[in-house]
C-alpha atoms as a PDB file:
ATOM      1  CA  MET A   1      52.673 113.574  93.058  1.00  0.00           C
ATOM      2  CA  ILE A   2      51.054 116.997  93.132  1.00  0.00           C
ATOM      3  CA  GLN A   3      50.845 118.097  96.765  1.00  0.00           C
ATOM      4  CA  SER A   4      49.566 121.075  98.651  1.00  0.00           C
ATOM      5  CA  LYS A   5      49.609 122.050 102.297  1.00  0.00           C
ATOM      6  CA  GLN A   6      45.868 121.486 102.557  1.00  0.00           C
ATOM      7  CA  SER A   7      43.672 118.985 100.833  1.00  0.00           C
ATOM      8  CA  ARG A   8      40.473 120.250  99.245  1.00  0.00           C
ATOM      9  CA  HIS A   9      38.610 118.091 101.746  1.00  0.00           C
ATOM     10  CA  THR A  10      40.592 118.767 104.929  1.00  0.00           C
ATOM     11  CA  ASN A  11      37.473 120.292 106.486  1.00  0.00           C
ATOM     12  CA  ALA A  12      35.463 117.200 105.561  1.00  0.00           C
ATOM     13  CA  PHE A  13      37.948 114.875 107.237  1.00  0.00           C
ATOM     14  CA  ILE A  14      38.122 117.037 110.352  1.00  0.00           C
ATOM     15  CA  LEU A  15      34.321 117.116 110.608  1.00  0.00           C
ATOM     16  CA  LEU A  16      34.167 113.351 110.050  1.00  0.00           C
ATOM     17  CA  PHE A  17      36.689 112.688 112.812  1.00  0.00           C
ATOM     18  CA  LEU A  18      34.899 115.072 115.188  1.00  0.00           C
ATOM     19  CA  GLU A  19      31.625 113.278 114.480  1.00  0.00           C
ATOM     20  CA  GLU A  20      33.331 109.969 115.301  1.00  0.00           C
ATOM     21  CA  LEU A  21      35.323 111.170 118.326  1.00  0.00           C
ATOM     22  CA  SER A  22      32.735 113.612 119.803  1.00  0.00           C
ATOM     23  CA  VAL A  23      35.474 115.989 121.025  1.00  0.00           C
ATOM     24  CA  ALA A  24      39.148 116.403 120.241  1.00  0.00           C
ATOM     25  CA  TYR A  25      41.881 119.017 120.474  1.00  0.00           C
ATOM     26  CA  GLY A  26      43.854 120.291 117.488  1.00  0.00           C
ATOM     27  CA  ALA A  27      46.997 118.156 117.829  1.00  0.00           C
ATOM     28  CA  GLN A  28      44.830 115.087 118.372  1.00  0.00           C
ATOM     29  CA  ILE A  29      42.884 115.851 115.176  1.00  0.00           C
ATOM     30  CA  PHE A  30      46.096 116.335 113.187  1.00  0.00           C
ATOM     31  CA  SER A  31      47.555 113.103 114.572  1.00  0.00           C
ATOM     32  CA  HIS A  32      44.338 111.282 113.640  1.00  0.00           C
ATOM     33  CA  LEU A  33      44.534 112.637 110.081  1.00  0.00           C
ATOM     34  CA  GLN A  34      48.146 111.488 109.755  1.00  0.00           C
ATOM     35  CA  SER A  35      47.537 108.022 111.131  1.00  0.00           C
ATOM     36  CA  GLU A  36      44.174 107.260 109.523  1.00  0.00           C
ATOM     37  CA  LEU A  37      44.246 108.805 106.035  1.00  0.00           C
ATOM     38  CA  PRO A  38      45.979 106.852 103.267  1.00  0.00           C
ATOM     39  CA  TYR A  39      47.431 110.159 101.961  1.00  0.00           C
ATOM     40  CA  CYS A  40      47.414 112.999 104.463  1.00  0.00           C
ATOM     41  CA  LEU A  41      47.977 116.203 102.500  1.00  0.00           C
ATOM     42  CA  SER A  42      47.593 118.554 105.466  1.00  0.00           C
ATOM     43  CA  ASP A  43      50.152 119.939 107.849  1.00  0.00           C
ATOM     44  CA  SER A  44      49.581 121.133 111.399  1.00  0.00           C
ATOM     45  CA  PRO A  45      49.143 124.851 110.554  1.00  0.00           C
ATOM     46  CA  SER A  46      46.562 124.048 107.869  1.00  0.00           C
ATOM     47  CA  VAL A  47      44.545 121.976 110.342  1.00  0.00           C
ATOM     48  CA  TYR A  48      44.475 124.857 112.832  1.00  0.00           C
ATOM     49  CA  ARG A  49      43.510 127.317 110.075  1.00  0.00           C
ATOM     50  CA  ALA A  50      40.715 124.966 109.015  1.00  0.00           C
ATOM     51  CA  LEU A  51      39.488 124.673 112.607  1.00  0.00           C
ATOM     52  CA  GLN A  52      39.497 128.461 112.973  1.00  0.00           C
ATOM     53  CA  GLU A  53      37.584 128.876 109.707  1.00  0.00           C
ATOM     54  CA  MET A  54      35.054 126.228 110.696  1.00  0.00           C
ATOM     55  CA  GLU A  55      34.599 127.855 114.092  1.00  0.00           C
ATOM     56  CA  GLU A  56      33.822 131.172 112.354  1.00  0.00           C
ATOM     57  CA  LYS A  57      31.236 129.355 110.194  1.00  0.00           C
ATOM     58  CA  GLU A  58      29.831 127.751 113.359  1.00  0.00           C
ATOM     59  CA  TRP A  59      30.557 124.243 112.065  1.00  0.00           C
ATOM     60  CA  VAL A  60      32.546 123.504 115.212  1.00  0.00           C
ATOM     61  CA  LYS A  61      32.522 124.947 118.697  1.00  0.00           C
ATOM     62  CA  SER A  62      35.386 124.982 121.137  1.00  0.00           C
ATOM     63  CA  ASN A  63      36.219 125.419 124.770  1.00  0.00           C
ATOM     64  CA  TRP A  64      39.416 125.518 126.749  1.00  0.00           C
ATOM     65  CA  LYS A  65      40.161 122.855 129.320  1.00  0.00           C
ATOM     66  CA  SER A  66      43.076 122.826 131.724  1.00  0.00           C
ATOM     67  CA  PRO A  67      44.353 119.344 132.560  1.00  0.00           C
ATOM     68  CA  GLN A  68      45.947 118.487 135.919  1.00  0.00           C
ATOM     69  CA  THR A  69      49.340 118.770 134.239  1.00  0.00           C
ATOM     70  CA  GLY A  70      50.438 120.474 131.059  1.00  0.00           C
ATOM     71  CA  PRO A  71      49.088 123.458 129.195  1.00  0.00           C
ATOM     72  CA  PRO A  72      45.396 124.178 128.588  1.00  0.00           C
ATOM     73  CA  ARG A  73      43.964 122.719 125.396  1.00  0.00           C
ATOM     74  CA  LYS A  74      41.277 123.976 123.079  1.00  0.00           C
ATOM     75  CA  TRP A  75      38.773 121.164 122.541  1.00  0.00           C
ATOM     76  CA  TYR A  76      36.530 121.098 119.460  1.00  0.00           C
ATOM     77  CA  SER A  77      33.186 119.457 118.780  1.00  0.00           C
ATOM     78  CA  ILE A  78      30.960 119.405 115.719  1.00  0.00           C
ATOM     79  CA  THR A  79      27.736 121.455 115.653  1.00  0.00           C
ATOM     80  CA  HIS A  80      24.431 120.986 113.853  1.00  0.00           C
ATOM     81  CA  LYS A  81      25.702 123.277 111.069  1.00  0.00           C
ATOM     82  CA  GLY A  82      28.867 121.184 110.933  1.00  0.00           C
ATOM     83  CA  ARG A  83      26.847 118.005 110.461  1.00  0.00           C
ATOM     84  CA  ALA A  84      24.971 119.657 107.567  1.00  0.00           C
ATOM     85  CA  ALA A  85      28.326 120.658 106.028  1.00  0.00           C
ATOM     86  CA  LEU A  86      29.625 117.099 106.528  1.00  0.00           C
ATOM     87  CA  HIS A  87      26.610 115.776 104.609  1.00  0.00           C
ATOM     88  CA  GLN A  88      27.275 118.245 101.776  1.00  0.00           C
ATOM     89  CA  TYR A  89      30.936 117.183 101.671  1.00  0.00           C
ATOM     90  CA  ALA A  90      29.834 113.538 101.441  1.00  0.00           C
ATOM     91  CA  GLU A  91      27.614 114.321  98.464  1.00  0.00           C
ATOM     92  CA  ASP A  92      30.454 116.235  96.780  1.00  0.00           C
ATOM     93  CA  ILE A  93      32.917 113.391  97.364  1.00  0.00           C
ATOM     94  CA  VAL A  94      30.526 110.822  95.869  1.00  0.00           C
ATOM     95  CA  GLN A  95      30.303 112.912  92.687  1.00  0.00           C
ATOM     96  CA  ARG A  96      34.069 113.475  92.532  1.00  0.00           C
ATOM     97  CA  GLN A  97      34.712 109.774  93.126  1.00  0.00           C
ATOM     98  CA  ALA A  98      32.491 108.876  90.158  1.00  0.00           C
ATOM     99  CA  ASN A  99      34.449 111.282  87.940  1.00  0.00           C
ATOM    100  CA  LEU A 100      37.803 110.029  89.239  1.00  0.00           C
ATOM    101  CA  ASN A 101      36.791 106.407  88.667  1.00  0.00           C
ATOM    102  CA  PHE A 102      35.812 107.340  85.097  1.00  0.00           C
ATOM    103  CA  PHE A 103      39.211 108.985  84.600  1.00  0.00           C
ATOM    104  CA  LEU A 104      41.182 106.040  85.998  1.00  0.00           C
ATOM    105  CA  LYS A 105      39.231 103.533  83.912  1.00  0.00           C
ATOM    106  CA  HIS A 106      39.898 105.434  80.703  1.00  0.00           C
ATOM    107  CA  TYR A 107      43.509 106.200  81.612  1.00  0.00           C
ATOM    108  CA  ALA A 108      44.178 102.521  82.301  1.00  0.00           C
ATOM    109  CA  ALA A 109      42.591 101.571  78.963  1.00  0.00           C
ATOM    110  CA  LEU A 110      44.771 104.082  77.092  1.00  0.00           C
ATOM    111  CA  ASN A 111      47.955 102.919  78.769  1.00  0.00           C
ATOM    112  CA  ARG A 112      46.987  99.286  79.275  1.00  0.00           C
ATOM    113  CA  THR A 113      48.154  99.547  82.830  1.00  0.00           C
ATOM    114  CA  ASN A 114      46.693  99.090  86.259  1.00  0.00           C
ATOM    115  CA  LEU A 115      47.310 101.728  88.898  1.00  0.00           C
END
């Protein structure tokens, strides 16, 4: 399997999870990606880089909270611009899915195999 440290759609999944969860901190987001995605192609550093990039684009906002015990955590939430980006990612994924389904159908026909 061809793998990279960051999926093309890591940002999309992070935005989706933030929309579902309302707020989350970085390790929580990474854990959610690992447990929920069928194939998580991201590692912890790539998630934090994506969060930093999305914060610069104003797709997410953050604030630090100090719990009663343990270190302070940076909590993230999705913004209006982030929701617009999430919608654009959804449109892109629909188009890519159509092309991938076309590929798999034709590949299976060539090889007479089911994936």
